[in-house]
């Protein structure tokens, strides 16, 4: 089945355990897609992301974490180390993916798409580059990218927009 041009559901990625998953599996869910890192000043946002996931997963929210080592080499660990860190320190239960790049010629196709859909405030000047760890993209249930948030945006502040998206079709 062909996806609409503006949907994330045509993409796939590898989970931390190396198994491939198609984003199609999250059809009809609201997605919060975040590039993450374990040694960043924003790393405590894992707690807020997990809280959102636990509070809203039964309503259809899925948080997707994509570890990335492109910013200050703040995600140097192996997949096993990343998973253990997130579970031990933040109780993360939302899906975590294998390390990817989000900028440059080796950027994951999903992130190329996300940046094209929502290039950000200076997108026309920066090519939509992700500025740092914990940039956030939000999709509606149809897989359309509805918003992009800066790394400094605290997950808790997204509750009103999440509730609105989760209440919609």
N, C-alpha and C. Protein backbone atom coordinates (compact mmCIF):
# COMPACT_ATOMS: atom_id res chain seq x y z
N UNK A 1 0.84 -1.18 0.00
CA UNK A 1 0.00 0.00 0.00
C UNK A 1 0.89 1.24 0.00
N UNK A 2 0.64 2.14 -0.91
CA UNK A 2 1.42 3.37 -0.97
C UNK A 2 0.93 4.34 0.10
N UNK A 3 1.90 5.00 0.72
CA UNK A 3 1.59 5.97 1.76
C UNK A 3 1.37 7.34 1.14
N UNK A 4 0.54 8.17 1.77
CA UNK A 4 0.46 9.56 1.33
C UNK A 4 1.83 10.20 1.43
N UNK A 5 2.09 11.16 0.59
CA UNK A 5 3.41 11.80 0.55
C UNK A 5 3.82 12.37 1.89
N UNK A 6 2.88 12.71 2.74
CA UNK A 6 3.23 13.34 4.01
C UNK A 6 3.16 12.43 5.22
N UNK A 7 3.30 11.12 5.05
CA UNK A 7 3.16 10.18 6.16
C UNK A 7 4.48 9.55 6.56
N UNK A 8 4.67 9.33 7.86
CA UNK A 8 5.87 8.64 8.36
C UNK A 8 5.74 7.12 8.25
N UNK A 9 4.56 6.63 7.91
CA UNK A 9 4.32 5.20 7.97
C UNK A 9 5.05 4.38 6.90
N UNK A 10 5.64 5.03 5.91
CA UNK A 10 6.40 4.30 4.90
C UNK A 10 7.84 4.03 5.31
N UNK A 11 8.26 4.49 6.48
CA UNK A 11 9.66 4.34 6.91
C UNK A 11 9.81 3.16 7.85
N UNK A 12 11.05 2.68 7.94
CA UNK A 12 11.38 1.64 8.90
C UNK A 12 12.71 2.01 9.54
N UNK A 13 13.00 1.37 10.67
CA UNK A 13 14.25 1.60 11.39
C UNK A 13 14.53 0.38 12.25
N UNK A 14 15.76 0.26 12.69
CA UNK A 14 16.13 -0.85 13.56
C UNK A 14 16.00 -0.43 15.02
N UNK A 15 15.43 -1.33 15.81
CA UNK A 15 15.36 -1.13 17.25
C UNK A 15 16.74 -1.38 17.86
N UNK A 16 16.89 -1.08 19.15
CA UNK A 16 18.17 -1.29 19.82
C UNK A 16 18.67 -2.72 19.70
N UNK A 17 17.75 -3.68 19.65
CA UNK A 17 18.16 -5.08 19.55
C UNK A 17 18.54 -5.49 18.12
N UNK A 18 18.47 -4.53 17.20
CA UNK A 18 18.84 -4.79 15.81
C UNK A 18 17.70 -5.23 14.92
N UNK A 19 16.55 -5.52 15.48
CA UNK A 19 15.42 -5.95 14.66
C UNK A 19 14.79 -4.74 13.97
N UNK A 20 14.40 -4.95 12.73
CA UNK A 20 13.77 -3.88 11.95
C UNK A 20 12.29 -3.77 12.31
N UNK A 21 11.82 -2.56 12.33
CA UNK A 21 10.39 -2.32 12.58
C UNK A 21 9.92 -1.26 11.59
N UNK A 22 8.75 -1.49 11.03
CA UNK A 22 8.15 -0.52 10.12
C UNK A 22 7.28 0.43 10.94
N UNK A 23 7.40 1.71 10.68
CA UNK A 23 6.57 2.66 11.40
C UNK A 23 5.09 2.44 11.13
N UNK A 24 4.80 1.70 10.08
CA UNK A 24 3.43 1.28 9.78
C UNK A 24 2.78 0.62 11.01
N UNK A 25 3.60 -0.02 11.84
CA UNK A 25 3.08 -0.70 13.03
C UNK A 25 2.47 0.29 14.02
N UNK A 26 2.77 1.57 13.85
CA UNK A 26 2.23 2.59 14.76
C UNK A 26 1.08 3.36 14.12
N UNK A 27 0.54 2.83 13.02
CA UNK A 27 -0.60 3.49 12.37
C UNK A 27 -1.71 3.70 13.38
N UNK A 28 -2.36 4.80 13.28
CA UNK A 28 -3.46 5.25 14.14
C UNK A 28 -2.99 5.73 15.51
N UNK A 29 -1.67 5.84 15.70
CA UNK A 29 -1.14 6.40 16.94
C UNK A 29 -0.60 7.81 16.69
N UNK A 30 -0.58 8.60 17.73
CA UNK A 30 0.12 9.88 17.73
C UNK A 30 1.56 9.54 18.10
N UNK A 31 2.53 10.04 17.34
CA UNK A 31 3.94 9.74 17.58
C UNK A 31 4.69 10.98 18.02
N UNK A 32 5.52 10.81 19.04
CA UNK A 32 6.46 11.83 19.47
C UNK A 32 7.84 11.25 19.19
N UNK A 33 8.52 11.79 18.19
CA UNK A 33 9.79 11.26 17.69
C UNK A 33 10.91 12.18 18.18
N UNK A 34 11.90 11.60 18.88
CA UNK A 34 12.93 12.39 19.56
C UNK A 34 14.31 11.80 19.31
N UNK A 35 15.29 12.64 18.93
CA UNK A 35 16.68 12.17 18.88
C UNK A 35 17.26 12.36 20.27
N UNK A 36 17.84 11.30 20.81
CA UNK A 36 18.22 11.27 22.21
C UNK A 36 19.72 11.06 22.40
N UNK A 37 20.18 11.28 23.62
CA UNK A 37 21.58 11.03 23.99
C UNK A 37 21.66 10.84 25.50
N UNK A 38 22.59 10.00 25.93
CA UNK A 38 22.71 9.64 27.35
C UNK A 38 23.60 10.57 28.17
N UNK A 39 24.42 11.38 27.50
CA UNK A 39 25.37 12.23 28.23
C UNK A 39 25.19 13.71 27.86
N UNK A 40 23.99 14.16 27.88
CA UNK A 40 23.64 15.51 27.43
C UNK A 40 22.97 16.24 28.60
N UNK A 41 23.06 17.55 28.58
CA UNK A 41 22.37 18.30 29.63
C UNK A 41 20.84 18.13 29.52
N UNK A 42 20.36 17.71 28.37
CA UNK A 42 18.93 17.47 28.18
C UNK A 42 18.53 16.03 28.51
N UNK A 43 19.48 15.17 28.83
CA UNK A 43 19.18 13.76 29.10
C UNK A 43 18.07 13.56 30.13
N UNK A 44 17.96 14.40 31.17
CA UNK A 44 16.85 14.21 32.12
C UNK A 44 15.47 14.28 31.47
N UNK A 45 15.39 14.76 30.23
CA UNK A 45 14.10 14.77 29.52
C UNK A 45 13.57 13.35 29.31
N UNK A 46 14.44 12.34 29.40
CA UNK A 46 13.96 10.96 29.32
C UNK A 46 12.83 10.74 30.33
N UNK A 47 12.96 11.30 31.53
CA UNK A 47 11.94 11.12 32.55
C UNK A 47 10.61 11.72 32.10
N UNK A 48 10.65 12.91 31.53
CA UNK A 48 9.43 13.54 31.03
C UNK A 48 8.82 12.81 29.85
N UNK A 49 9.67 12.31 28.96
CA UNK A 49 9.18 11.54 27.82
C UNK A 49 8.51 10.26 28.29
N UNK A 50 9.13 9.58 29.26
CA UNK A 50 8.55 8.35 29.81
C UNK A 50 7.23 8.65 30.51
N UNK A 51 7.16 9.76 31.24
CA UNK A 51 5.90 10.13 31.91
C UNK A 51 4.79 10.35 30.89
N UNK A 52 5.09 11.05 29.79
CA UNK A 52 4.08 11.24 28.74
C UNK A 52 3.64 9.90 28.18
N UNK A 53 4.61 9.04 27.90
CA UNK A 53 4.28 7.73 27.33
C UNK A 53 3.38 6.94 28.28
N UNK A 54 3.73 6.89 29.55
CA UNK A 54 2.92 6.13 30.51
C UNK A 54 1.53 6.72 30.68
N UNK A 55 1.46 8.05 30.68
CA UNK A 55 0.16 8.70 30.89
C UNK A 55 -0.76 8.59 29.69
N UNK A 56 -0.20 8.55 28.49
CA UNK A 56 -1.04 8.64 27.28
C UNK A 56 -0.96 7.43 26.35
N UNK A 57 -0.17 6.42 26.67
CA UNK A 57 -0.06 5.29 25.73
C UNK A 57 -1.39 4.58 25.53
N UNK A 58 -2.20 4.48 26.57
CA UNK A 58 -3.50 3.82 26.42
C UNK A 58 -4.46 4.65 25.58
N UNK A 59 -4.14 5.93 25.38
CA UNK A 59 -4.95 6.81 24.52
C UNK A 59 -4.41 6.84 23.09
N UNK A 60 -3.24 6.22 22.86
CA UNK A 60 -2.71 6.15 21.51
C UNK A 60 -1.40 6.87 21.27
N UNK A 61 -0.70 7.31 22.31
CA UNK A 61 0.60 7.96 22.11
C UNK A 61 1.72 6.92 22.12
N UNK A 62 2.66 7.07 21.19
CA UNK A 62 3.89 6.28 21.24
C UNK A 62 5.06 7.27 21.12
N UNK A 63 5.98 7.19 22.06
CA UNK A 63 7.22 7.96 22.01
C UNK A 63 8.25 7.07 21.34
N UNK A 64 8.98 7.61 20.36
CA UNK A 64 10.03 6.87 19.67
C UNK A 64 11.35 7.58 19.91
N UNK A 65 12.29 6.91 20.54
CA UNK A 65 13.59 7.49 20.84
C UNK A 65 14.66 7.00 19.87
N UNK A 66 15.36 7.94 19.26
CA UNK A 66 16.41 7.64 18.29
C UNK A 66 17.75 8.16 18.81
N UNK A 67 18.54 7.33 19.48
CA UNK A 67 19.85 7.75 19.95
C UNK A 67 20.72 8.25 18.80
N UNK A 68 21.48 9.30 19.08
CA UNK A 68 22.32 9.93 18.06
C UNK A 68 23.60 10.44 18.73
N UNK A 69 24.72 10.20 18.09
CA UNK A 69 26.02 10.59 18.64
C UNK A 69 26.62 11.78 17.88
N UNK A 70 25.81 12.50 17.12
CA UNK A 70 26.32 13.59 16.28
C UNK A 70 26.59 14.89 17.03
N UNK A 71 26.07 15.03 18.23
CA UNK A 71 26.18 16.29 18.93
C UNK A 71 27.06 16.12 20.16
N UNK A 72 28.28 16.58 20.07
CA UNK A 72 29.20 16.51 21.20
C UNK A 72 29.56 15.10 21.62
N UNK A 73 29.34 14.14 20.74
CA UNK A 73 29.62 12.72 21.04
C UNK A 73 29.01 12.32 22.37
N UNK A 74 27.75 12.71 22.56
CA UNK A 74 27.08 12.49 23.83
C UNK A 74 26.29 11.19 23.89
N UNK A 75 26.44 10.36 22.85
CA UNK A 75 25.82 9.03 22.86
C UNK A 75 26.83 8.02 22.32
N UNK A 76 27.94 7.81 23.06
CA UNK A 76 29.00 6.95 22.55
C UNK A 76 28.77 5.46 22.78
N UNK A 77 27.83 5.09 23.62
CA UNK A 77 27.67 3.70 24.03
C UNK A 77 27.13 2.77 22.95
N UNK A 78 27.25 1.49 23.25
CA UNK A 78 26.68 0.44 22.39
C UNK A 78 25.16 0.42 22.61
N UNK A 79 24.47 -0.33 21.77
CA UNK A 79 23.02 -0.48 21.91
C UNK A 79 22.68 -1.03 23.30
N UNK A 80 23.42 -2.03 23.75
CA UNK A 80 23.17 -2.61 25.08
C UNK A 80 23.38 -1.59 26.19
N UNK A 81 24.44 -0.78 26.07
CA UNK A 81 24.71 0.24 27.07
C UNK A 81 23.63 1.31 27.09
N UNK A 82 23.18 1.72 25.91
CA UNK A 82 22.12 2.73 25.82
C UNK A 82 20.85 2.21 26.47
N UNK A 83 20.46 0.99 26.12
CA UNK A 83 19.25 0.40 26.68
C UNK A 83 19.32 0.27 28.20
N UNK A 84 20.46 -0.21 28.70
CA UNK A 84 20.63 -0.38 30.15
C UNK A 84 20.59 0.97 30.86
N UNK A 85 21.25 1.97 30.29
CA UNK A 85 21.26 3.31 30.89
C UNK A 85 19.83 3.87 30.99
N UNK A 86 19.09 3.78 29.90
CA UNK A 86 17.74 4.35 29.87
C UNK A 86 16.80 3.63 30.82
N UNK A 87 16.94 2.32 30.91
CA UNK A 87 16.08 1.56 31.81
C UNK A 87 16.44 1.83 33.27
N UNK A 88 17.73 1.78 33.58
CA UNK A 88 18.19 1.94 34.98
C UNK A 88 17.92 3.34 35.51
N UNK A 89 18.25 4.35 34.72
CA UNK A 89 18.17 5.74 35.20
C UNK A 89 16.82 6.41 35.03
N UNK A 90 16.04 5.98 34.01
CA UNK A 90 14.79 6.68 33.72
C UNK A 90 13.59 5.75 33.55
N UNK A 91 13.81 4.44 33.70
CA UNK A 91 12.70 3.49 33.57
C UNK A 91 12.04 3.51 32.21
N UNK A 92 12.81 3.79 31.18
CA UNK A 92 12.26 3.94 29.83
C UNK A 92 11.64 2.63 29.35
N UNK A 93 10.39 2.72 28.92
CA UNK A 93 9.68 1.57 28.35
C UNK A 93 9.24 1.84 26.91
N UNK A 94 9.35 3.08 26.45
CA UNK A 94 8.97 3.37 25.07
C UNK A 94 10.04 2.83 24.12
N UNK A 95 9.70 2.63 22.84
CA UNK A 95 10.66 2.05 21.90
C UNK A 95 11.90 2.93 21.70
N UNK A 96 13.05 2.28 21.81
CA UNK A 96 14.33 2.92 21.52
C UNK A 96 14.94 2.24 20.31
N UNK A 97 15.50 3.04 19.44
CA UNK A 97 16.03 2.54 18.18
C UNK A 97 17.55 2.50 18.21
N UNK A 98 18.11 1.82 17.22
CA UNK A 98 19.56 1.79 17.06
C UNK A 98 20.03 3.20 16.76
N UNK A 99 21.27 3.48 17.12
CA UNK A 99 21.87 4.80 16.89
C UNK A 99 21.79 5.17 15.41
N UNK A 100 21.42 6.41 15.16
CA UNK A 100 21.34 6.93 13.79
C UNK A 100 22.01 8.29 13.72
N UNK A 101 22.15 8.78 12.50
CA UNK A 101 22.52 10.18 12.27
C UNK A 101 21.26 10.91 11.84
N UNK A 102 21.15 12.16 12.27
CA UNK A 102 19.96 12.96 11.95
C UNK A 102 20.27 14.10 10.99
N UNK A 103 21.54 14.40 10.79
CA UNK A 103 21.98 15.45 9.87
C UNK A 103 23.04 14.88 8.93
N UNK A 104 23.26 15.60 7.84
CA UNK A 104 24.35 15.24 6.94
C UNK A 104 23.98 14.15 5.94
N UNK A 105 24.97 13.73 5.16
CA UNK A 105 24.71 12.79 4.07
C UNK A 105 24.27 11.41 4.53
N UNK A 106 24.53 11.06 5.78
CA UNK A 106 24.14 9.74 6.29
C UNK A 106 22.93 9.81 7.22
N UNK A 107 22.22 10.92 7.16
CA UNK A 107 21.02 11.07 7.99
C UNK A 107 20.01 9.97 7.63
N UNK A 108 19.37 9.43 8.65
CA UNK A 108 18.36 8.41 8.44
C UNK A 108 17.25 9.00 7.56
N UNK A 109 16.71 8.21 6.63
CA UNK A 109 15.63 8.73 5.76
C UNK A 109 14.44 9.30 6.52
N UNK A 110 14.10 8.72 7.66
CA UNK A 110 13.00 9.27 8.46
C UNK A 110 13.31 10.70 8.86
N UNK A 111 14.54 10.97 9.29
CA UNK A 111 14.89 12.32 9.72
C UNK A 111 15.00 13.28 8.55
N UNK A 112 15.39 12.80 7.39
CA UNK A 112 15.36 13.67 6.21
C UNK A 112 13.93 14.11 5.95
N UNK A 113 13.01 13.16 6.05
CA UNK A 113 11.59 13.43 5.84
C UNK A 113 11.05 14.40 6.89
N UNK A 114 11.34 14.13 8.16
CA UNK A 114 10.84 14.99 9.24
C UNK A 114 11.29 16.43 9.04
N UNK A 115 12.57 16.60 8.71
CA UNK A 115 13.12 17.96 8.52
C UNK A 115 12.51 18.63 7.29
N UNK A 116 12.19 17.85 6.28
CA UNK A 116 11.55 18.43 5.09
C UNK A 116 10.13 18.89 5.44
N UNK A 117 9.43 18.11 6.23
CA UNK A 117 8.06 18.45 6.60
C UNK A 117 7.98 19.65 7.54
N UNK A 118 8.90 19.70 8.49
CA UNK A 118 8.94 20.80 9.47
C UNK A 118 10.39 21.27 9.61
N UNK A 119 10.84 22.18 8.74
CA UNK A 119 12.24 22.59 8.76
C UNK A 119 12.65 23.47 9.94
N UNK A 120 11.70 23.91 10.74
CA UNK A 120 12.05 24.73 11.89
C UNK A 120 12.07 26.20 11.56
N UNK A 121 12.27 27.02 12.57
CA UNK A 121 12.20 28.47 12.44
C UNK A 121 13.17 29.02 11.41
N UNK A 122 14.38 28.50 11.37
CA UNK A 122 15.37 28.97 10.40
C UNK A 122 15.60 27.93 9.30
N UNK A 123 14.60 27.11 9.07
CA UNK A 123 14.72 26.01 8.14
C UNK A 123 15.23 26.40 6.77
N UNK A 124 14.74 27.50 6.25
CA UNK A 124 15.17 27.93 4.91
C UNK A 124 16.64 28.31 4.90
N UNK A 125 17.22 28.66 6.04
CA UNK A 125 18.64 29.01 6.12
C UNK A 125 19.52 27.81 6.48
N UNK A 126 18.95 26.86 7.22
CA UNK A 126 19.74 25.76 7.76
C UNK A 126 19.47 24.42 7.11
N UNK A 127 18.58 24.39 6.14
CA UNK A 127 18.21 23.11 5.53
C UNK A 127 17.46 22.23 6.52
N UNK A 128 16.89 22.83 7.55
CA UNK A 128 16.13 22.08 8.52
C UNK A 128 16.97 21.31 9.52
N UNK A 129 18.26 21.57 9.57
CA UNK A 129 19.16 20.80 10.45
C UNK A 129 18.62 20.67 11.87
N UNK A 130 18.85 19.51 12.45
CA UNK A 130 18.55 19.30 13.85
C UNK A 130 19.67 20.01 14.62
N UNK A 131 19.34 20.89 15.58
CA UNK A 131 20.39 21.67 16.24
C UNK A 131 21.13 20.93 17.35
N UNK A 132 20.45 19.95 17.98
CA UNK A 132 21.08 19.29 19.13
C UNK A 132 20.23 18.09 19.53
N UNK A 133 20.65 17.40 20.56
CA UNK A 133 19.91 16.26 21.09
C UNK A 133 18.55 16.72 21.62
N UNK A 134 17.59 15.83 21.55
CA UNK A 134 16.24 16.01 22.09
C UNK A 134 15.38 16.99 21.31
N UNK A 135 15.65 17.15 20.01
CA UNK A 135 14.68 17.83 19.14
C UNK A 135 13.47 16.89 19.02
N UNK A 136 12.28 17.45 18.93
CA UNK A 136 11.07 16.64 18.97
C UNK A 136 10.18 16.93 17.77
N UNK A 137 9.62 15.85 17.21
CA UNK A 137 8.64 15.96 16.13
C UNK A 137 7.39 15.24 16.58
N UNK A 138 6.24 15.81 16.25
CA UNK A 138 4.97 15.24 16.64
C UNK A 138 4.18 14.93 15.38
N UNK A 139 3.58 13.72 15.33
CA UNK A 139 2.72 13.37 14.19
C UNK A 139 1.31 13.10 14.69
N UNK A 140 0.36 13.29 13.80
CA UNK A 140 -1.01 12.94 14.14
C UNK A 140 -1.24 11.46 13.83
N UNK A 141 -2.44 11.00 14.01
CA UNK A 141 -2.76 9.58 13.83
C UNK A 141 -2.62 9.12 12.39
N UNK A 142 -2.63 10.06 11.46
CA UNK A 142 -2.45 9.72 10.04
C UNK A 142 -0.97 9.72 9.64
N UNK A 143 -0.09 9.99 10.60
CA UNK A 143 1.35 9.97 10.31
C UNK A 143 1.87 11.26 9.73
N UNK A 144 1.05 12.32 9.73
CA UNK A 144 1.49 13.62 9.23
C UNK A 144 2.23 14.37 10.33
N UNK A 145 3.35 15.00 9.98
CA UNK A 145 4.13 15.76 10.95
C UNK A 145 3.39 17.06 11.22
N UNK A 146 2.99 17.24 12.48
CA UNK A 146 2.19 18.42 12.82
C UNK A 146 2.99 19.51 13.50
N UNK A 147 4.11 19.14 14.15
CA UNK A 147 4.87 20.15 14.89
C UNK A 147 6.30 19.68 15.09
N UNK A 148 7.16 20.67 15.29
CA UNK A 148 8.56 20.43 15.63
C UNK A 148 8.89 21.31 16.83
N UNK A 149 9.62 20.73 17.79
CA UNK A 149 9.96 21.45 19.01
C UNK A 149 11.47 21.42 19.22
N UNK A 150 11.97 22.46 19.82
CA UNK A 150 13.41 22.58 20.06
C UNK A 150 13.86 21.61 21.15
N UNK A 151 15.15 21.33 21.20
CA UNK A 151 15.68 20.47 22.27
C UNK A 151 15.36 21.00 23.66
N UNK A 152 15.26 22.31 23.82
CA UNK A 152 15.00 22.89 25.13
C UNK A 152 13.54 22.74 25.57
N UNK A 153 12.64 22.38 24.66
CA UNK A 153 11.24 22.22 25.01
C UNK A 153 11.09 21.03 25.95
N UNK A 154 10.58 21.29 27.14
CA UNK A 154 10.38 20.22 28.12
C UNK A 154 9.18 19.37 27.71
N UNK A 155 9.31 18.05 27.79
CA UNK A 155 8.21 17.18 27.36
C UNK A 155 6.87 17.51 28.03
N UNK A 156 6.89 17.88 29.29
CA UNK A 156 5.65 18.15 30.02
C UNK A 156 4.83 19.27 29.38
N UNK A 157 5.52 20.21 28.71
CA UNK A 157 4.80 21.33 28.10
C UNK A 157 3.99 20.89 26.88
N UNK A 158 4.20 19.68 26.42
CA UNK A 158 3.50 19.18 25.23
C UNK A 158 2.14 18.57 25.57
N UNK A 159 1.81 18.46 26.83
CA UNK A 159 0.56 17.81 27.23
C UNK A 159 -0.68 18.39 26.53
N UNK A 160 -0.88 19.70 26.49
CA UNK A 160 -2.09 20.23 25.84
C UNK A 160 -2.20 19.85 24.36
N UNK A 161 -1.09 19.94 23.63
CA UNK A 161 -1.16 19.60 22.20
C UNK A 161 -1.33 18.10 22.02
N UNK A 162 -0.71 17.31 22.88
CA UNK A 162 -0.91 15.85 22.81
C UNK A 162 -2.37 15.49 23.07
N UNK A 163 -2.94 16.11 24.08
CA UNK A 163 -4.34 15.80 24.41
C UNK A 163 -5.27 16.16 23.25
N UNK A 164 -4.98 17.25 22.60
CA UNK A 164 -5.79 17.65 21.45
C UNK A 164 -5.64 16.64 20.30
N UNK A 165 -4.41 16.25 19.99
CA UNK A 165 -4.18 15.27 18.92
C UNK A 165 -4.78 13.91 19.27
N UNK A 166 -4.65 13.50 20.52
CA UNK A 166 -5.17 12.21 20.93
C UNK A 166 -6.70 12.17 20.92
N UNK A 167 -7.33 13.31 21.11
CA UNK A 167 -8.79 13.39 21.08
C UNK A 167 -9.35 13.41 19.67
N UNK A 168 -8.49 13.75 18.70
CA UNK A 168 -8.94 13.85 17.30
C UNK A 168 -9.07 12.50 16.62
N UNK A 169 -9.43 12.54 15.34
CA UNK A 169 -9.64 11.29 14.58
C UNK A 169 -8.35 10.50 14.39
